[in-house]
PDB file of N, CA and C in Angstrom:
ATOM      1  N   MET A   1     -99.246 -22.777-222.338  1.00  0.00           N
ATOM      2  CA  MET A   1     -98.182 -22.501-223.257  1.00  0.00           C
ATOM      3  C   MET A   1     -98.694 -22.795-224.639  1.00  0.00           C
ATOM      4  N   GLY A   2     -98.485 -21.909-225.542  1.00  0.00           N
ATOM      5  CA  GLY A   2     -98.861 -22.137-226.921  1.00  0.00           C
ATOM      6  C   GLY A   2     -97.632 -22.087-227.794  1.00  0.00           C
ATOM      7  N   VAL A   3     -97.619 -22.912-228.820  1.00  0.00           N
ATOM      8  CA  VAL A   3     -96.503 -22.954-229.745  1.00  0.00           C
ATOM      9  C   VAL A   3     -97.075 -22.887-231.141  1.00  0.00           C
ATOM     10  N   THR A   4     -96.562 -21.985-231.972  1.00  0.00           N
ATOM     11  CA  THR A   4     -97.011 -21.911-233.349  1.00  0.00           C
ATOM     12  C   THR A   4     -95.812 -21.920-234.264  1.00  0.00           C
ATOM     13  N   GLN A   5     -96.038 -22.410-235.475  1.00  0.00           N
ATOM     14  CA  GLN A   5     -95.000 -22.431-236.484  1.00  0.00           C
ATOM     15  C   GLN A   5     -95.475 -21.614-237.666  1.00  0.00           C
ATOM     16  N   SER A   6     -94.567 -20.941-238.356  1.00  0.00           N
ATOM     17  CA  SER A   6     -94.914 -20.258-239.594  1.00  0.00           C
ATOM     18  C   SER A   6     -93.826 -20.533-240.606  1.00  0.00           C
ATOM     19  N   GLY A   7     -94.189 -20.385-241.849  1.00  0.00           N
ATOM     20  CA  GLY A   7     -93.258 -20.656-242.936  1.00  0.00           C
ATOM     21  C   GLY A   7     -94.006 -21.347-244.035  1.00  0.00           C
ATOM     22  N   GLY A   8     -93.329 -21.667-245.100  1.00  0.00           N
ATOM     23  CA  GLY A   8     -94.015 -22.344-246.185  1.00  0.00           C
ATOM     24  C   GLY A   8     -93.072 -22.663-247.306  1.00  0.00           C
ATOM     25  N   SER A   9     -93.608 -23.429-248.268  1.00  0.00           N
ATOM     26  CA  SER A   9     -92.838 -23.751-249.444  1.00  0.00           C
ATOM     27  C   SER A   9     -93.783 -23.795-250.620  1.00  0.00           C
ATOM     28  N   ALA A  10     -93.267 -23.597-251.799  1.00  0.00           N
ATOM     29  CA  ALA A  10     -94.064 -23.623-253.017  1.00  0.00           C
ATOM     30  C   ALA A  10     -94.211 -25.050-253.513  1.00  0.00           C
ATOM     31  N   GLY A  11     -95.186 -25.241-254.391  1.00  0.00           N
ATOM     32  CA  GLY A  11     -95.306 -26.528-255.047  1.00  0.00           C
ATOM     33  C   GLY A  11     -96.139 -27.540-254.300  1.00  0.00           C
ATOM     34  N   GLY A  12     -96.874 -27.142-253.293  1.00  0.00           N
ATOM     35  CA  GLY A  12     -97.769 -28.054-252.605  1.00  0.00           C
ATOM     36  C   GLY A  12     -97.110 -28.968-251.590  1.00  0.00           C
ATOM     37  N   ALA A  13     -95.818 -28.899-251.458  1.00  0.00           N
ATOM     38  CA  ALA A  13     -95.136 -29.729-250.466  1.00  0.00           C
ATOM     39  C   ALA A  13     -95.471 -29.210-249.076  1.00  0.00           C
ATOM     40  N   ALA A  14     -95.305 -30.069-248.092  1.00  0.00           N
ATOM     41  CA  ALA A  14     -95.550 -29.647-246.719  1.00  0.00           C
ATOM     42  C   ALA A  14     -94.630 -28.486-246.378  1.00  0.00           C
ATOM     43  N   PRO A  15     -95.172 -27.442-245.746  1.00  0.00           N
ATOM     44  CA  PRO A  15     -94.339 -26.281-245.443  1.00  0.00           C
ATOM     45  C   PRO A  15     -93.250 -26.611-244.431  1.00  0.00           C
ATOM     46  N   ALA A  16     -92.087 -26.072-244.676  1.00  0.00           N
ATOM     47  CA  ALA A  16     -90.973 -26.220-243.735  1.00  0.00           C
ATOM     48  C   ALA A  16     -91.016 -25.013-242.812  1.00  0.00           C
ATOM     49  N   PRO A  17     -91.163 -25.228-241.519  1.00  0.00           N
ATOM     50  CA  PRO A  17     -91.259 -24.075-240.622  1.00  0.00           C
ATOM     51  C   PRO A  17     -89.982 -23.257-240.617  1.00  0.00           C
ATOM     52  N   ARG A  18     -90.167 -21.945-240.697  1.00  0.00           N
ATOM     53  CA  ARG A  18     -89.029 -21.040-240.596  1.00  0.00           C
ATOM     54  C   ARG A  18     -88.978 -20.408-239.230  1.00  0.00           C
ATOM     55  N   GLU A  19     -90.089 -20.440-238.540  1.00  0.00           N
ATOM     56  CA  GLU A  19     -90.149 -19.797-237.231  1.00  0.00           C
ATOM     57  C   GLU A  19     -91.006 -20.630-236.300  1.00  0.00           C
ATOM     58  N   ILE A  20     -90.537 -20.801-235.108  1.00  0.00           N
ATOM     59  CA  ILE A  20     -91.317 -21.459-234.065  1.00  0.00           C
ATOM     60  C   ILE A  20     -91.413 -20.467-232.924  1.00  0.00           C
ATOM     61  N   ARG A  21     -92.632 -20.154-232.531  1.00  0.00           N
ATOM     62  CA  ARG A  21     -92.851 -19.179-231.475  1.00  0.00           C
ATOM     63  C   ARG A  21     -93.423 -19.892-230.260  1.00  0.00           C
ATOM     64  N   VAL A  22     -92.805 -19.684-229.113  1.00  0.00           N
ATOM     65  CA  VAL A  22     -93.273 -20.254-227.852  1.00  0.00           C
ATOM     66  C   VAL A  22     -93.783 -19.103-227.003  1.00  0.00           C
ATOM     67  N   ASP A  23     -95.057 -19.157-226.643  1.00  0.00           N
ATOM     68  CA  ASP A  23     -95.648 -18.134-225.783  1.00  0.00           C
ATOM     69  C   ASP A  23     -95.923 -18.758-224.426  1.00  0.00           C
ATOM     70  N   ILE A  24     -95.294 -18.223-223.408  1.00  0.00           N
ATOM     71  CA  ILE A  24     -95.489 -18.708-222.044  1.00  0.00           C
ATOM     72  C   ILE A  24     -96.282 -17.651-221.306  1.00  0.00           C
ATOM     73  N   GLY A  25     -97.484 -18.018-220.905  1.00  0.00           N
ATOM     74  CA  GLY A  25     -98.352 -17.065-220.217  1.00  0.00           C
ATOM     75  C   GLY A  25     -97.786 -16.630-218.889  1.00  0.00           C
ATOM     76  N   GLU A  26     -97.366 -17.566-218.075  1.00  0.00           N
ATOM     77  CA  GLU A  26     -96.818 -17.253-216.763  1.00  0.00           C
ATOM     78  C   GLU A  26     -95.941 -18.401-216.312  1.00  0.00           C
ATOM     79  N   LEU A  27     -94.840 -18.070-215.718  1.00  0.00           N
ATOM     80  CA  LEU A  27     -93.936 -19.060-215.163  1.00  0.00           C
ATOM     81  C   LEU A  27     -93.583 -18.611-213.755  1.00  0.00           C
ATOM     82  N   VAL A  28     -93.966 -19.407-212.782  1.00  0.00           N
ATOM     83  CA  VAL A  28     -93.716 -19.074-211.385  1.00  0.00           C
ATOM     84  C   VAL A  28     -92.663 -20.037-210.859  1.00  0.00           C
ATOM     85  N   LEU A  29     -91.586 -19.496-210.343  1.00  0.00           N
ATOM     86  CA  LEU A  29     -90.484 -20.306-209.825  1.00  0.00           C
ATOM     87  C   LEU A  29     -90.348 -20.032-208.329  1.00  0.00           C
ATOM     88  N   ASP A  30     -91.122 -20.717-207.542  1.00  0.00           N
ATOM     89  CA  ASP A  30     -91.062 -20.552-206.092  1.00  0.00           C
ATOM     90  C   ASP A  30     -89.804 -21.192-205.526  1.00  0.00           C
ATOM     91  N   GLY A  31     -89.159 -20.496-204.611  1.00  0.00           N
ATOM     92  CA  GLY A  31     -88.010 -21.053-203.913  1.00  0.00           C
ATOM     93  C   GLY A  31     -86.684 -20.850-204.608  1.00  0.00           C
ATOM     94  N   PHE A  32     -86.664 -20.145-205.743  1.00  0.00           N
ATOM     95  CA  PHE A  32     -85.413 -19.900-206.462  1.00  0.00           C
ATOM     96  C   PHE A  32     -85.030 -18.439-206.311  1.00  0.00           C
ATOM     97  N   SER A  33     -83.742 -18.196-206.124  1.00  0.00           N
ATOM     98  CA  SER A  33     -83.287 -16.820-205.970  1.00  0.00           C
ATOM     99  C   SER A  33     -82.620 -16.300-207.243  1.00  0.00           C
ATOM    100  N   ALA A  34     -82.671 -17.067-208.317  1.00  0.00           N
ATOM    101  CA  ALA A  34     -82.024 -16.681-209.574  1.00  0.00           C
ATOM    102  C   ALA A  34     -82.734 -15.479-210.200  1.00  0.00           C
ATOM    103  N   ASP A  35     -81.972 -14.653-210.881  1.00  0.00           N
ATOM    104  CA  ASP A  35     -82.482 -13.483-211.581  1.00  0.00           C
ATOM    105  C   ASP A  35     -83.408 -13.937-212.718  1.00  0.00           C
ATOM    106  N   PRO A  36     -84.689 -13.544-212.683  1.00  0.00           N
ATOM    107  CA  PRO A  36     -85.640 -14.003-213.695  1.00  0.00           C
ATOM    108  C   PRO A  36     -85.250 -13.643-215.128  1.00  0.00           C
ATOM    109  N   GLU A  37     -84.640 -12.490-215.318  1.00  0.00           N
ATOM    110  CA  GLU A  37     -84.229 -12.096-216.668  1.00  0.00           C
ATOM    111  C   GLU A  37     -83.114 -12.999-217.185  1.00  0.00           C
ATOM    112  N   ARG A  38     -82.208 -13.389-216.320  1.00  0.00           N
ATOM    113  CA  ARG A  38     -81.135 -14.293-216.728  1.00  0.00           C
ATOM    114  C   ARG A  38     -81.671 -15.702-216.973  1.00  0.00           C
ATOM    115  N   VAL A  39     -82.661 -16.118-216.175  1.00  0.00           N
ATOM    116  CA  VAL A  39     -83.304 -17.413-216.402  1.00  0.00           C
ATOM    117  C   VAL A  39     -83.972 -17.403-217.774  1.00  0.00           C
ATOM    118  N   ALA A  40     -84.709 -16.332-218.071  1.00  0.00           N
ATOM    119  CA  ALA A  40     -85.401 -16.224-219.356  1.00  0.00           C
ATOM    120  C   ALA A  40     -84.415 -16.240-220.523  1.00  0.00           C
ATOM    121  N   ALA A  41     -83.305 -15.527-220.394  1.00  0.00           N
ATOM    122  CA  ALA A  41     -82.302 -15.497-221.461  1.00  0.00           C
ATOM    123  C   ALA A  41     -81.688 -16.878-221.676  1.00  0.00           C
ATOM    124  N   ALA A  42     -81.372 -17.576-220.593  1.00  0.00           N
ATOM    125  CA  ALA A  42     -80.805 -18.922-220.706  1.00  0.00           C
ATOM    126  C   ALA A  42     -81.821 -19.891-221.299  1.00  0.00           C
ATOM    127  N   PHE A  43     -83.091 -19.760-220.902  1.00  0.00           N
ATOM    128  CA  PHE A  43     -84.163 -20.582-221.437  1.00  0.00           C
ATOM    129  C   PHE A  43     -84.266 -20.404-222.947  1.00  0.00           C
ATOM    130  N   GLU A  44     -84.336 -19.155-223.387  1.00  0.00           N
ATOM    131  CA  GLU A  44     -84.470 -18.864-224.813  1.00  0.00           C
ATOM    132  C   GLU A  44     -83.272 -19.390-225.602  1.00  0.00           C
ATOM    133  N   HIS A  45     -82.082 -19.166-225.089  1.00  0.00           N
ATOM    134  CA  HIS A  45     -80.866 -19.616-225.767  1.00  0.00           C
ATOM    135  C   HIS A  45     -80.851 -21.148-225.900  1.00  0.00           C
ATOM    136  N   GLU A  46     -81.151 -21.842-224.816  1.00  0.00           N
ATOM    137  CA  GLU A  46     -81.110 -23.307-224.831  1.00  0.00           C
ATOM    138  C   GLU A  46     -82.221 -23.898-225.695  1.00  0.00           C
ATOM    139  N   LEU A  47     -83.431 -23.350-225.616  1.00  0.00           N
ATOM    140  CA  LEU A  47     -84.521 -23.880-226.433  1.00  0.00           C
ATOM    141  C   LEU A  47     -84.240 -23.644-227.914  1.00  0.00           C
ATOM    142  N   THR A  48     -83.703 -22.491-228.253  1.00  0.00           N
ATOM    143  CA  THR A  48     -83.325 -22.214-229.642  1.00  0.00           C
ATOM    144  C   THR A  48     -82.287 -23.222-230.122  1.00  0.00           C
ATOM    145  N   ARG A  49     -81.291 -23.486-229.298  1.00  0.00           N
ATOM    146  CA  ARG A  49     -80.253 -24.461-229.657  1.00  0.00           C
ATOM    147  C   ARG A  49     -80.848 -25.847-229.872  1.00  0.00           C
ATOM    148  N   LEU A  50     -81.709 -26.280-228.966  1.00  0.00           N
ATOM    149  CA  LEU A  50     -82.300 -27.611-229.071  1.00  0.00           C
ATOM    150  C   LEU A  50     -83.172 -27.751-230.314  1.00  0.00           C
ATOM    151  N   VAL A  51     -83.960 -26.737-230.615  1.00  0.00           N
ATOM    152  CA  VAL A  51     -84.818 -26.799-231.800  1.00  0.00           C
ATOM    153  C   VAL A  51     -83.973 -26.811-233.065  1.00  0.00           C
ATOM    154  N   ARG A  52     -82.920 -26.013-233.115  1.00  0.00           N
ATOM    155  CA  ARG A  52     -82.052 -26.002-234.305  1.00  0.00           C
ATOM    156  C   ARG A  52     -81.328 -27.327-234.489  1.00  0.00           C
ATOM    157  N   GLU A  53     -80.821 -27.894-233.406  1.00  0.00           N
ATOM    158  CA  GLU A  53     -80.044 -29.129-233.505  1.00  0.00           C
ATOM    159  C   GLU A  53     -80.897 -30.379-233.641  1.00  0.00           C
ATOM    160  N   ARG A  54     -82.031 -30.414-232.938  1.00  0.00           N
ATOM    161  CA  ARG A  54     -82.833 -31.638-232.887  1.00  0.00           C
ATOM    162  C   ARG A  54     -84.197 -31.507-233.534  1.00  0.00           C
ATOM    163  N   GLY A  55     -84.643 -30.271-233.776  1.00  0.00           N
ATOM    164  CA  GLY A  55     -85.943 -30.039-234.387  1.00  0.00           C
ATOM    165  C   GLY A  55     -87.094 -30.389-233.463  1.00  0.00           C
ATOM    166  N   VAL A  56     -88.295 -30.254-234.005  1.00  0.00           N
ATOM    167  CA  VAL A  56     -89.530 -30.659-233.341  1.00  0.00           C
ATOM    168  C   VAL A  56     -90.458 -31.172-234.435  1.00  0.00           C
ATOM    169  N   PRO A  57     -91.415 -32.039-234.101  1.00  0.00           N
ATOM    170  CA  PRO A  57     -92.360 -32.511-235.115  1.00  0.00           C
ATOM    171  C   PRO A  57     -93.080 -31.334-235.768  1.00  0.00           C
ATOM    172  N   ALA A  58     -93.327 -31.432-237.061  1.00  0.00           N
ATOM    173  CA  ALA A  58     -93.897 -30.316-237.831  1.00  0.00           C
ATOM    174  C   ALA A  58     -95.410 -30.368-237.922  1.00  0.00           C
ATOM    175  N   ASP A  59     -96.081 -30.982-236.968  1.00  0.00           N
ATOM    176  CA  ASP A  59     -97.536 -31.072-237.054  1.00  0.00           C
ATOM    177  C   ASP A  59     -98.242 -30.171-236.056  1.00  0.00           C
ATOM    178  N   GLY A  60     -97.617 -29.033-235.670  1.00  0.00           N
ATOM    179  CA  GLY A  60     -98.218 -28.093-234.732  1.00  0.00           C
ATOM    180  C   GLY A  60     -99.333 -27.315-235.399  1.00  0.00           C
ATOM    181  N   PRO A  61     -99.983 -26.357-234.780  1.00  0.00           N
ATOM    182  CA  PRO A  61     -99.638 -25.806-233.473  1.00  0.00           C
ATOM    183  C   PRO A  61    -100.055 -26.723-232.331  1.00  0.00           C
ATOM    184  N   TRP A  62     -99.400 -26.544-231.208  1.00  0.00           N
ATOM    185  CA  TRP A  62     -99.663 -27.349-230.029  1.00  0.00           C
ATOM    186  C   TRP A  62    -100.037 -26.458-228.865  1.00  0.00           C
ATOM    187  N   THR A  63    -100.711 -27.061-227.932  1.00  0.00           N
ATOM    188  CA  THR A  63    -100.835 -26.480-226.597  1.00  0.00           C
ATOM    189  C   THR A  63    -100.152 -27.480-225.702  1.00  0.00           C
ATOM    190  N   ALA A  64     -99.196 -27.033-224.944  1.00  0.00           N
ATOM    191  CA  ALA A  64     -98.383 -27.969-224.178  1.00  0.00           C
ATOM    192  C   ALA A  64     -98.400 -27.636-222.701  1.00  0.00           C
ATOM    193  N   ASP A  65     -98.516 -28.663-221.903  1.00  0.00           N
ATOM    194  CA  ASP A  65     -98.337 -28.535-220.459  1.00  0.00           C
ATOM    195  C   ASP A  65     -97.162 -29.429-220.135  1.00  0.00           C
ATOM    196  N   VAL A  66     -95.967 -28.937-220.464  1.00  0.00           N
ATOM    197  CA  VAL A  66     -94.790 -29.793-220.417  1.00  0.00           C
ATOM    198  C   VAL A  66     -93.992 -29.655-219.132  1.00  0.00           C
ATOM    199  N   LEU A  67     -94.274 -28.668-218.331  1.00  0.00           N
ATOM    200  CA  LEU A  67     -93.489 -28.481-217.127  1.00  0.00           C
ATOM    201  C   LEU A  67     -94.125 -29.119-215.903  1.00  0.00           C
ATOM    202  N   SER A  68     -95.305 -29.693-216.054  1.00  0.00           N
ATOM    203  CA  SER A  68     -95.974 -30.261-214.895  1.00  0.00           C
ATOM    204  C   SER A  68     -95.233 -31.465-214.340  1.00  0.00           C
ATOM    205  N   GLY A  69     -94.479 -32.171-215.166  1.00  0.00           N
ATOM    206  CA  GLY A  69     -93.762 -33.349-214.704  1.00  0.00           C
ATOM    207  C   GLY A  69     -92.293 -33.102-214.433  1.00  0.00           C
ATOM    208  N   LEU A  70     -91.896 -31.848-214.357  1.00  0.00           N
ATOM    209  CA  LEU A  70     -90.492 -31.523-214.131  1.00  0.00           C
ATOM    210  C   LEU A  70     -90.049 -32.030-212.770  1.00  0.00           C
ATOM    211  N   PRO A  71     -88.951 -32.762-212.707  1.00  0.00           N
ATOM    212  CA  PRO A  71     -88.488 -33.250-211.414  1.00  0.00           C
ATOM    213  C   PRO A  71     -88.046 -32.081-210.530  1.00  0.00           C
ATOM    214  N   PRO A  72     -88.035 -32.286-209.219  1.00  0.00           N
ATOM    215  CA  PRO A  72     -87.586 -31.212-208.323  1.00  0.00           C
ATOM    216  C   PRO A  72     -86.158 -30.779-208.666  1.00  0.00           C
ATOM    217  N   LEU A  73     -85.942 -29.506-208.650  1.00  0.00           N
ATOM    218  CA  LEU A  73     -84.621 -28.948-208.941  1.00  0.00           C
ATOM    219  C   LEU A  73     -84.094 -28.279-207.681  1.00  0.00           C
ATOM    220  N   PRO A  74     -82.795 -28.368-207.435  1.00  0.00           N
ATOM    221  CA  PRO A  74     -82.218 -27.713-206.256  1.00  0.00           C
ATOM    222  C   PRO A  74     -82.421 -26.202-206.312  1.00  0.00           C
ATOM    223  N   ALA A  75     -82.812 -25.619-205.202  1.00  0.00           N
ATOM    224  CA  ALA A  75     -83.088 -24.185-205.144  1.00  0.00           C
ATOM    225  C   ALA A  75     -81.850 -23.343-205.456  1.00  0.00           C
ATOM    226  N   GLY A  76     -80.673 -23.888-205.305  1.00  0.00           N
ATOM    227  CA  GLY A  76     -79.451 -23.124-205.516  1.00  0.00           C
ATOM    228  C   GLY A  76     -78.938 -23.124-206.951  1.00  0.00           C
ATOM    229  N   LEU A  77     -79.726 -23.617-207.899  1.00  0.00           N
ATOM    230  CA  LEU A  77     -79.270 -23.623-209.292  1.00  0.00           C
ATOM    231  C   LEU A  77     -78.998 -22.197-209.769  1.00  0.00           C
ATOM    232  N   SER A  78     -78.004 -22.064-210.625  1.00  0.00           N
ATOM    233  CA  SER A  78     -77.736 -20.765-211.235  1.00  0.00           C
ATOM    234  C   SER A  78     -78.859 -20.443-212.218  1.00  0.00           C
ATOM    235  N   ALA A  79     -78.979 -19.169-212.563  1.00  0.00           N
ATOM    236  CA  ALA A  79     -79.989 -18.745-213.531  1.00  0.00           C
ATOM    237  C   ALA A  79     -79.782 -19.475-214.855  1.00  0.00           C
ATOM    238  N   ARG A  80     -78.539 -19.626-215.270  1.00  0.00           N
ATOM    239  CA  ARG A  80     -78.230 -20.305-216.527  1.00  0.00           C
ATOM    240  C   ARG A  80     -78.690 -21.754-216.496  1.00  0.00           C
ATOM    241  N   ARG A  81     -78.349 -22.442-215.445  1.00  0.00           N
ATOM    242  CA  ARG A  81     -78.715 -23.863-215.345  1.00  0.00           C
ATOM    243  C   ARG A  81     -80.225 -24.049-215.225  1.00  0.00           C
ATOM    244  N   LEU A  82     -80.888 -23.186-214.477  1.00  0.00           N
ATOM    245  CA  LEU A  82     -82.333 -23.273-214.333  1.00  0.00           C
ATOM    246  C   LEU A  82     -83.010 -23.053-215.691  1.00  0.00           C
ATOM    247  N   GLY A  83     -82.577 -22.047-216.424  1.00  0.00           N
ATOM    248  CA  GLY A  83     -83.132 -21.796-217.758  1.00  0.00           C
ATOM    249  C   GLY A  83     -82.912 -22.969-218.691  1.00  0.00           C
ATOM    250  N   GLN A  84     -81.728 -23.578-218.620  1.00  0.00           N
ATOM    251  CA  GLN A  84     -81.433 -24.738-219.461  1.00  0.00           C
ATOM    252  C   GLN A  84     -82.343 -25.912-219.128  1.00  0.00           C
ATOM    253  N   GLU A  85     -82.533 -26.195-217.854  1.00  0.00           N
ATOM    254  CA  GLU A  85     -83.373 -27.323-217.450  1.00  0.00           C
ATOM    255  C   GLU A  85     -84.828 -27.107-217.883  1.00  0.00           C
ATOM    256  N   LEU A  86     -85.321 -25.895-217.744  1.00  0.00           N
ATOM    257  CA  LEU A  86     -86.678 -25.591-218.169  1.00  0.00           C
ATOM    258  C   LEU A  86     -86.818 -25.742-219.682  1.00  0.00           C
ATOM    259  N   ALA A  87     -85.826 -25.270-220.433  1.00  0.00           N
ATOM    260  CA  ALA A  87     -85.858 -25.389-221.893  1.00  0.00           C
ATOM    261  C   ALA A  87     -85.837 -26.850-222.326  1.00  0.00           C
ATOM    262  N   ARG A  88     -85.052 -27.662-221.663  1.00  0.00           N
ATOM    263  CA  ARG A  88     -85.003 -29.093-221.995  1.00  0.00           C
ATOM    264  C   ARG A  88     -86.344 -29.759-221.752  1.00  0.00           C
ATOM    265  N   ALA A  89     -87.013 -29.373-220.665  1.00  0.00           N
ATOM    266  CA  ALA A  89     -88.331 -29.939-220.378  1.00  0.00           C
ATOM    267  C   ALA A  89     -89.341 -29.527-221.447  1.00  0.00           C
ATOM    268  N   VAL A  90     -89.307 -28.275-221.864  1.00  0.00           N
ATOM    269  CA  VAL A  90     -90.218 -27.805-222.907  1.00  0.00           C
ATOM    270  C   VAL A  90     -89.921 -28.518-224.219  1.00  0.00           C
ATOM    271  N   HIS A  91     -88.657 -28.640-224.578  1.00  0.00           N
ATOM    272  CA  HIS A  91     -88.305 -29.311-225.833  1.00  0.00           C
ATOM    273  C   HIS A  91     -88.759 -30.764-225.830  1.00  0.00           C
ATOM    274  N   GLU A  92     -88.606 -31.441-224.717  1.00  0.00           N
ATOM    275  CA  GLU A  92     -89.081 -32.825-224.636  1.00  0.00           C
ATOM    276  C   GLU A  92     -90.581 -32.893-224.857  1.00  0.00           C
ATOM    277  N   GLY A  93     -91.313 -31.955-224.296  1.00  0.00           N
ATOM    278  CA  GLY A  93     -92.757 -31.920-224.507  1.00  0.00           C
ATOM    279  C   GLY A  93     -93.111 -31.665-225.963  1.00  0.00           C
ATOM    280  N   LEU A  94     -92.412 -30.730-226.590  1.00  0.00           N
ATOM    281  CA  LEU A  94     -92.663 -30.441-227.997  1.00  0.00           C
ATOM    282  C   LEU A  94     -92.282 -31.605-228.911  1.00  0.00           C
ATOM    283  N   SER A  95     -91.360 -32.423-228.455  1.00  0.00           N
ATOM    284  CA  SER A  95     -90.878 -33.558-229.241  1.00  0.00           C
ATOM    285  C   SER A  95     -91.693 -34.822-228.993  1.00  0.00           C
ATOM    286  N   GLY A  96     -92.749 -34.694-228.208  1.00  0.00           N
ATOM    287  CA  GLY A  96     -93.610 -35.842-227.968  1.00  0.00           C
ATOM    288  C   GLY A  96     -93.258 -36.676-226.767  1.00  0.00           C
ATOM    289  N   ARG A  97     -92.329 -36.200-225.950  1.00  0.00           N
ATOM    290  CA  ARG A  97     -91.934 -36.967-224.769  1.00  0.00           C
ATOM    291  C   ARG A  97     -92.461 -36.351-223.486  1.00  0.00           C
ATOM    292  N   GLY A  98     -93.357 -35.370-223.631  1.00  0.00           N
ATOM    293  CA  GLY A  98     -94.003 -34.761-222.472  1.00  0.00           C
ATOM    294  C   GLY A  98     -95.495 -34.835-222.644  1.00  0.00           C
ATOM    295  N   GLU A  99     -96.213 -34.157-221.801  1.00  0.00           N
ATOM    296  CA  GLU A  99     -97.675 -34.147-221.879  1.00  0.00           C
ATOM    297  C   GLU A  99     -98.085 -33.016-222.797  1.00  0.00           C
ATOM    298  N   VAL A 100     -98.499 -33.359-224.032  1.00  0.00           N
ATOM    299  CA  VAL A 100     -98.823 -32.354-225.044  1.00  0.00           C
ATOM    300  C   VAL A 100    -100.202 -32.660-225.617  1.00  0.00           C
ATOM    301  N   THR A 101    -100.988 -31.633-225.826  1.00  0.00           N
ATOM    302  CA  THR A 101    -102.282 -31.794-226.487  1.00  0.00           C
ATOM    303  C   THR A 101    -102.315 -30.887-227.700  1.00  0.00           C
ATOM    304  N   SER A 102    -103.007 -31.310-228.733  1.00  0.00           N
ATOM    305  CA  SER A 102    -103.102 -30.461-229.933  1.00  0.00           C
ATOM    306  C   SER A 102    -104.519 -30.054-230.200  1.00  0.00           C
TER     307      SER A 102
END
């Protein structure tokens, strides 16, 4: 997973990110019957909400392996709930509470 930020400010101050892009190469969800498109939509919505409300450290770009420590999730989760849980795990990693390398 790669995360990049873009944006800037004048006057030599540290740039304030205007955009945070999360690129996920592949996400395999074995044992879940949820619609992948709905999972992706819920993931994007929840991660966007978390970044807007709580932010992330501005010292990226990062390479993150934040889902490796995700606790087991019940196979019967709805697509919405599964996307939310995945987004929360990614946000925690981006916020320094997961396994992140730069």
